[in-house]
Amino acid sequence: MSQTNTRKALGKGLEQLFNSENLDFNQIEHEIVATTPESEITLIPIKDIRSNPYQPRVHFDEVALQELADSIKEHGVLEPIIVKKSIKGYELVAGERRTRASKLAGKDKIPAIIKNFDDQQMMEIAILENIQREDLSPIEEAQAYKNLMNKSGMTQENVAKRFGKSRSYITNLLGLLNLPKPVQNDVMNSKITMSHARVLSKMEDTQQILDLAEKIKNDGISVRELEELSRTEAIPKKKPVTKIHSITSTKHKIYENELRDLIGNKVSISSNKITIPFDSDKDLDRIMEILNVEIGD
């Protein structure tokens, strides 16, 4: 799609949002809904809607979907979905859960806003909706970034800046895709944490990775215990872990970089405070898990 056509389809405000260094799904969706006249919100048949072809989410929480379906039965769909016209029907841009829940609720049609997006925008907005609202599994998120890089030619650095992550976070996440498929499935199904998986992804012996994955699930070994095991010479590593810091770096900058590498989110240290922004409650839970912080009942 040309820049002129994109401007006509999305509006100047949205074009600016997509051209910003850090994308924000809530801003993009809010801008679309806020600037669309009510007369342009139309009811479209659910049977004519297909998922965003770049939808990274594989698994959906059936209980949560049913709860949303019950709400839709009682109150209707409170915010229209956003779709793109396709050769046959429509492709979802935003609102996968609302669409699935509406179908569960027995609805034939759903309110929608029709906009034009190019392929890269479709991929970016699908990733955004999920990482900022639905909390993709690490494997789903990694695959989404990989697909975007393959499709658009973006580098890891580009992706990190685009989605507000650190370069090391993207690198570590993509490394999970080298894990054996059974281990990837365990991560996908929350049987193995991201922290455990990151340690396993540094190893190269497939059978030892599988054996340790079973030990994590069956014996509940901690990340620290796994790290100790991974340091033994019996388990070869893909690369020796070395950390190099510029001599001119300040102590705070070094600490910020270390925390970014550990957590995956941008971290700032100033005025005797450590600030760690997060996208959602689930993202906060992930950070607390990485920091080994446990909250009692």
Protein backbone atom coordinates (compact mmCIF):
# COMPACT_ATOMS: atom_id res chain seq x y z
CA MET A 1 0.00 0.00 0.00
CA SER A 2 1.39 3.43 -0.91
CA GLN A 3 1.87 6.13 1.71
CA THR A 4 -0.95 8.12 0.10
CA ASN A 5 -3.37 5.21 0.26
CA THR A 6 -2.32 4.42 3.81
CA ARG A 7 -3.04 8.02 4.82
CA LYS A 8 -6.50 7.88 3.25
CA ALA A 9 -7.29 4.52 4.80
CA LEU A 10 -6.02 5.14 8.31
CA GLY A 11 -6.07 8.89 8.73
CA LYS A 12 -3.14 11.16 9.53
CA GLY A 13 -3.29 10.45 13.27
CA LEU A 14 -2.99 6.72 12.79
CA GLU A 15 -0.22 7.07 10.26
CA GLN A 16 1.74 9.02 12.86
CA LEU A 17 1.06 6.32 15.46
CA PHE A 18 2.41 3.61 13.15
CA ASN A 19 5.45 5.73 12.33
CA SER A 20 6.31 6.27 15.99
CA GLU A 21 9.32 4.44 17.41
CA ASN A 22 7.29 2.61 20.07
CA LEU A 23 3.90 1.25 19.08
CA ASP A 24 1.02 1.18 21.55
CA PHE A 25 -1.99 -0.96 20.73
CA ASN A 26 -4.35 0.92 23.03
CA GLN A 27 -3.48 4.19 21.32
CA ILE A 28 -3.99 2.73 17.86
CA GLU A 29 -7.34 1.11 18.71
CA HIS A 30 -8.53 4.18 20.63
CA GLU A 31 -7.62 6.44 17.70
CA ILE A 32 -9.57 4.25 15.26
CA VAL A 33 -12.66 4.01 17.47
CA ALA A 34 -12.59 7.68 18.51
CA THR A 35 -12.26 9.00 14.97
CA THR A 36 -14.80 6.68 13.34
CA PRO A 37 -18.31 8.17 13.02
CA GLU A 38 -21.06 5.98 14.45
CA SER A 39 -22.57 5.78 10.97
CA GLU A 40 -19.45 3.93 9.78
CA ILE A 41 -19.72 1.21 12.45
CA THR A 42 -21.52 -1.63 10.73
CA LEU A 43 -22.84 -5.06 11.68
CA ILE A 44 -21.08 -7.77 9.71
CA PRO A 45 -21.72 -11.55 9.64
CA ILE A 46 -19.38 -13.45 11.96
CA LYS A 47 -19.23 -16.30 9.44
CA ASP A 48 -17.54 -13.93 6.96
CA ILE A 49 -14.72 -13.07 9.39
CA ARG A 50 -11.44 -14.94 9.51
CA SER A 51 -8.60 -14.49 11.96
CA ASN A 52 -5.75 -12.12 11.28
CA PRO A 53 -3.42 -14.33 9.19
CA TYR A 54 -0.59 -13.08 11.38
CA GLN A 55 -2.37 -13.85 14.66
CA PRO A 56 0.42 -15.20 16.91
CA ARG A 57 -1.83 -16.72 19.56
CA VAL A 58 -2.34 -20.46 19.23
CA HIS A 59 -4.15 -21.20 22.50
CA PHE A 60 -7.12 -19.29 23.91
CA ASP A 61 -8.36 -19.55 27.50
CA GLU A 62 -11.70 -21.31 27.08
CA VAL A 63 -12.94 -20.32 30.56
CA ALA A 64 -12.18 -16.65 29.93
CA LEU A 65 -13.85 -16.86 26.51
CA GLN A 66 -17.00 -18.32 28.06
CA GLU A 67 -17.07 -15.57 30.68
CA LEU A 68 -16.83 -12.98 27.90
CA ALA A 69 -19.55 -14.80 25.95
CA ASP A 70 -21.85 -14.64 28.99
CA SER A 71 -21.18 -10.90 29.27
CA ILE A 72 -21.94 -10.42 25.57
CA LYS A 73 -25.23 -12.29 25.98
CA GLU A 74 -26.24 -9.85 28.69
CA HIS A 75 -24.71 -6.56 27.53
CA GLY A 76 -23.77 -7.07 23.88
CA VAL A 77 -20.39 -6.20 22.35
CA LEU A 78 -19.39 -2.93 24.03
CA GLU A 79 -16.62 -1.96 21.61
CA PRO A 80 -16.59 -2.72 17.87
CA ILE A 81 -13.96 -5.00 16.42
CA ILE A 82 -11.66 -3.72 13.67
CA VAL A 83 -11.43 -5.59 10.38
CA LYS A 84 -9.85 -5.33 6.96
CA LYS A 85 -11.86 -6.10 3.82
CA SER A 86 -10.48 -9.13 2.01
CA ILE A 87 -11.29 -10.90 -1.24
CA LYS A 88 -13.74 -13.13 0.61
CA GLY A 89 -15.26 -11.41 3.62
CA TYR A 90 -13.07 -9.79 6.28
CA GLU A 91 -9.79 -10.32 8.13
CA LEU A 92 -9.64 -9.46 11.83
CA VAL A 93 -7.30 -6.66 12.81
CA ALA A 94 -8.33 -6.34 16.47
CA GLY A 95 -10.93 -8.16 18.52
CA GLU A 96 -10.20 -11.88 18.15
CA ARG A 97 -11.54 -12.71 21.63
CA ARG A 98 -14.68 -10.59 21.15
CA THR A 99 -15.37 -12.35 17.87
CA ARG A 100 -14.85 -15.85 19.27
CA ALA A 101 -16.93 -15.04 22.36
CA SER A 102 -19.74 -13.56 20.24
CA LYS A 103 -19.88 -16.79 18.26
CA LEU A 104 -20.01 -18.74 21.53
CA ALA A 105 -22.83 -16.45 22.66
CA GLY A 106 -24.83 -17.45 19.57
CA LYS A 107 -24.50 -14.11 17.79
CA ASP A 108 -24.70 -14.03 13.99
CA LYS A 109 -23.33 -10.51 13.55
CA ILE A 110 -20.89 -8.23 15.35
CA PRO A 111 -20.31 -4.43 15.20
CA ALA A 112 -17.18 -3.63 13.22
CA ILE A 113 -15.06 -0.82 11.85
CA ILE A 114 -13.57 -1.52 8.43
CA LYS A 115 -10.08 -0.13 7.76
CA ASN A 116 -7.26 -0.85 5.33
CA PHE A 117 -3.95 -2.12 6.67
CA ASP A 118 -0.90 -3.41 4.85
CA ASP A 119 0.68 -6.76 5.74
CA GLN A 120 3.33 -5.36 8.08
CA GLN A 121 0.73 -3.30 9.96
CA MET A 122 -1.45 -6.42 10.29
CA MET A 123 1.48 -8.32 11.79
CA GLU A 124 2.47 -5.52 14.15
CA ILE A 125 -1.02 -4.86 15.45
CA ALA A 126 -1.64 -8.60 16.01
CA ILE A 127 1.54 -8.82 18.09
CA LEU A 128 0.69 -5.62 19.96
CA GLU A 129 -2.83 -6.68 20.91
CA ASN A 130 -1.53 -9.92 22.36
CA ILE A 131 1.61 -8.80 24.20
CA GLN A 132 -0.03 -5.66 25.62
CA ARG A 133 -3.43 -7.17 26.46
CA GLU A 134 -3.51 -10.94 26.35
CA ASP A 135 0.03 -11.92 27.39
CA LEU A 136 1.26 -14.34 24.73
CA SER A 137 3.22 -17.39 25.81
CA PRO A 138 6.97 -16.85 25.31
CA ILE A 139 6.97 -19.30 22.38
CA GLU A 140 4.05 -17.56 20.64
CA GLU A 141 5.69 -14.18 21.17
CA ALA A 142 9.04 -15.43 19.85
CA GLN A 143 7.43 -16.94 16.75
CA ALA A 144 5.52 -13.70 16.12
CA TYR A 145 8.72 -11.65 16.23
CA LYS A 146 10.51 -14.14 14.00
CA ASN A 147 7.70 -14.05 11.42
CA LEU A 148 7.73 -10.24 11.46
CA MET A 149 11.50 -10.16 10.95
CA ASN A 150 11.30 -12.66 8.09
CA LYS A 151 8.46 -10.79 6.42
CA SER A 152 9.68 -7.21 6.88
CA GLY A 153 13.46 -7.56 7.02
CA MET A 154 13.52 -5.90 10.46
CA THR A 155 16.52 -6.64 12.67
CA GLN A 156 16.38 -7.69 16.32
CA GLU A 157 17.35 -4.12 17.20
CA ASN A 158 14.47 -2.75 15.08
CA VAL A 159 11.98 -5.10 16.73
CA ALA A 160 13.24 -4.25 20.22
CA LYS A 161 12.76 -0.52 19.63
CA ARG A 162 9.42 -1.02 17.88
CA PHE A 163 7.87 -2.96 20.75
CA GLY A 164 9.64 -1.30 23.69
CA LYS A 165 11.80 -4.30 24.62
CA SER A 166 15.53 -4.64 25.19
CA ARG A 167 17.69 -6.16 22.45
CA SER A 168 18.77 -8.95 24.82
CA TYR A 169 15.12 -9.76 25.61
CA ILE A 170 14.39 -10.30 21.90
CA THR A 171 17.58 -12.34 21.48
CA ASN A 172 16.77 -14.56 24.47
CA LEU A 173 13.18 -14.99 23.33
CA LEU A 174 14.16 -16.02 19.80
CA GLY A 175 16.60 -18.49 21.33
CA LEU A 176 13.63 -20.42 22.74
CA LEU A 177 12.69 -21.43 19.20
CA ASN A 178 15.84 -23.59 19.11
CA LEU A 179 14.50 -25.75 21.95
CA PRO A 180 13.16 -29.21 21.07
CA LYS A 181 9.46 -29.10 20.18
CA PRO A 182 8.33 -31.03 23.30
CA VAL A 183 10.06 -28.45 25.49
CA GLN A 184 8.55 -25.60 23.47
CA ASN A 185 5.13 -27.16 24.09
CA ASP A 186 5.87 -27.33 27.82
CA VAL A 187 6.72 -23.62 27.80
CA MET A 188 3.57 -22.92 25.77
CA ASN A 189 1.45 -24.77 28.34
CA SER A 190 3.17 -23.11 31.33
CA LYS A 191 4.71 -26.37 32.52
CA ILE A 192 8.15 -24.79 32.22
CA THR A 193 8.76 -21.12 32.99
CA MET A 194 10.43 -18.62 30.70
CA SER A 195 13.33 -18.40 33.15
CA HIS A 196 13.91 -22.16 33.07
CA ALA A 197 13.52 -22.22 29.29
CA ARG A 198 16.08 -19.48 28.82
CA VAL A 199 18.69 -21.56 30.66
CA LEU A 200 17.80 -24.66 28.63
CA SER A 201 18.08 -22.70 25.38
CA LYS A 202 21.77 -22.07 26.06
CA MET A 203 22.49 -25.82 25.92
CA GLU A 204 23.10 -27.80 22.75
CA ASP A 205 22.62 -31.48 23.66
CA THR A 206 18.99 -32.26 22.78
CA GLN A 207 18.68 -35.33 25.00
CA GLN A 208 20.11 -33.53 28.02
CA ILE A 209 17.69 -30.64 27.43
CA LEU A 210 14.78 -33.10 27.33
CA ASP A 211 16.04 -34.87 30.48
CA LEU A 212 16.39 -31.61 32.37
CA ALA A 213 12.96 -30.47 31.20
CA GLU A 214 11.49 -33.60 32.76
CA LYS A 215 13.45 -32.90 35.95
CA ILE A 216 12.01 -29.37 36.07
CA LYS A 217 8.45 -30.72 35.75
CA ASN A 218 8.81 -33.72 38.02
CA ASP A 219 11.20 -32.48 40.71
CA GLY A 220 10.43 -28.78 40.61
CA ILE A 221 14.07 -27.74 40.50
CA SER A 222 14.59 -23.98 40.73
CA VAL A 223 16.17 -21.78 38.09
CA ARG A 224 19.28 -21.46 40.25
CA GLU A 225 19.57 -25.24 40.57
CA LEU A 226 19.14 -25.56 36.81
CA GLU A 227 21.85 -22.95 36.26
CA GLU A 228 24.19 -24.93 38.50
CA LEU A 229 23.48 -28.07 36.50
CA SER A 230 23.99 -26.19 33.25
CA ARG A 231 27.47 -25.11 34.37
CA THR A 232 28.70 -28.68 34.68
CA GLU A 233 30.93 -29.85 31.88
CA ALA A 234 28.59 -32.76 31.23
CA ILE A 235 26.19 -30.33 29.57
CA PRO A 236 27.83 -28.43 26.68
CA LYS A 237 26.71 -24.86 26.02
CA LYS A 238 26.06 -23.25 22.69
CA LYS A 239 28.19 -20.24 23.58
CA PRO A 240 30.16 -19.23 26.66
CA VAL A 241 28.28 -16.50 28.48
CA THR A 242 30.41 -13.37 28.61
CA LYS A 243 29.35 -9.92 29.66
CA ILE A 244 31.33 -6.91 28.51
CA HIS A 245 30.72 -3.42 29.80
CA SER A 246 32.26 -0.18 28.62
CA ILE A 247 34.83 1.21 31.03
CA THR A 248 33.14 4.58 30.69
CA SER A 249 29.74 3.25 31.80
CA THR A 250 28.42 4.58 35.07
CA LYS A 251 27.43 2.20 37.84
CA HIS A 252 23.74 3.00 37.31
CA LYS A 253 23.98 2.35 33.57
CA ILE A 254 25.62 -1.01 34.23
CA TYR A 255 22.89 -1.94 36.69
CA GLU A 256 20.19 -0.80 34.24
CA ASN A 257 21.64 -2.98 31.48
CA GLU A 258 21.91 -5.98 33.79
CA LEU A 259 18.30 -5.61 34.90
CA ARG A 260 17.12 -5.15 31.30
CA ASP A 261 18.92 -8.36 30.32
CA LEU A 262 17.34 -10.22 33.24
CA ILE A 263 13.79 -8.90 33.00
CA GLY A 264 13.36 -7.97 29.35
CA ASN A 265 11.76 -4.59 30.10
CA LYS A 266 13.36 -1.18 30.04
CA VAL A 267 14.70 -0.22 33.47
CA SER A 268 15.77 3.20 34.71
CA ILE A 269 17.68 4.09 37.87
CA SER A 270 17.64 7.67 39.12
CA SER A 271 17.02 9.64 42.30
CA ASN A 272 17.61 6.49 44.39
CA LYS A 273 14.72 4.75 42.63
CA ILE A 274 14.51 1.76 40.28
CA THR A 275 11.65 2.10 37.77
CA ILE A 276 10.43 -0.98 35.88
CA PRO A 277 7.45 -0.33 33.57
CA PHE A 278 5.15 -3.26 32.70
CA ASP A 279 2.35 -3.85 30.16
CA SER A 280 -0.18 -5.74 32.26
CA ASP A 281 -0.77 -7.62 35.50
CA LYS A 282 0.48 -10.78 33.78
CA ASP A 283 3.63 -8.98 32.71
CA LEU A 284 4.09 -7.88 36.34
CA ASP A 285 3.64 -11.50 37.48
CA ARG A 286 6.32 -12.53 34.97
CA ILE A 287 8.74 -9.92 36.33
CA MET A 288 8.08 -11.01 39.93
CA GLU A 289 8.74 -14.62 38.94
CA ILE A 290 12.07 -13.68 37.33
CA LEU A 291 13.04 -11.78 40.49
CA ASN A 292 12.06 -14.83 42.57
CA VAL A 293 9.53 -12.80 44.57
CA GLU A 294 6.79 -14.94 46.06
CA ILE A 295 3.58 -13.55 47.55
CA GLY A 296 2.01 -15.62 50.30
CA ASP A 297 -1.71 -16.44 50.42
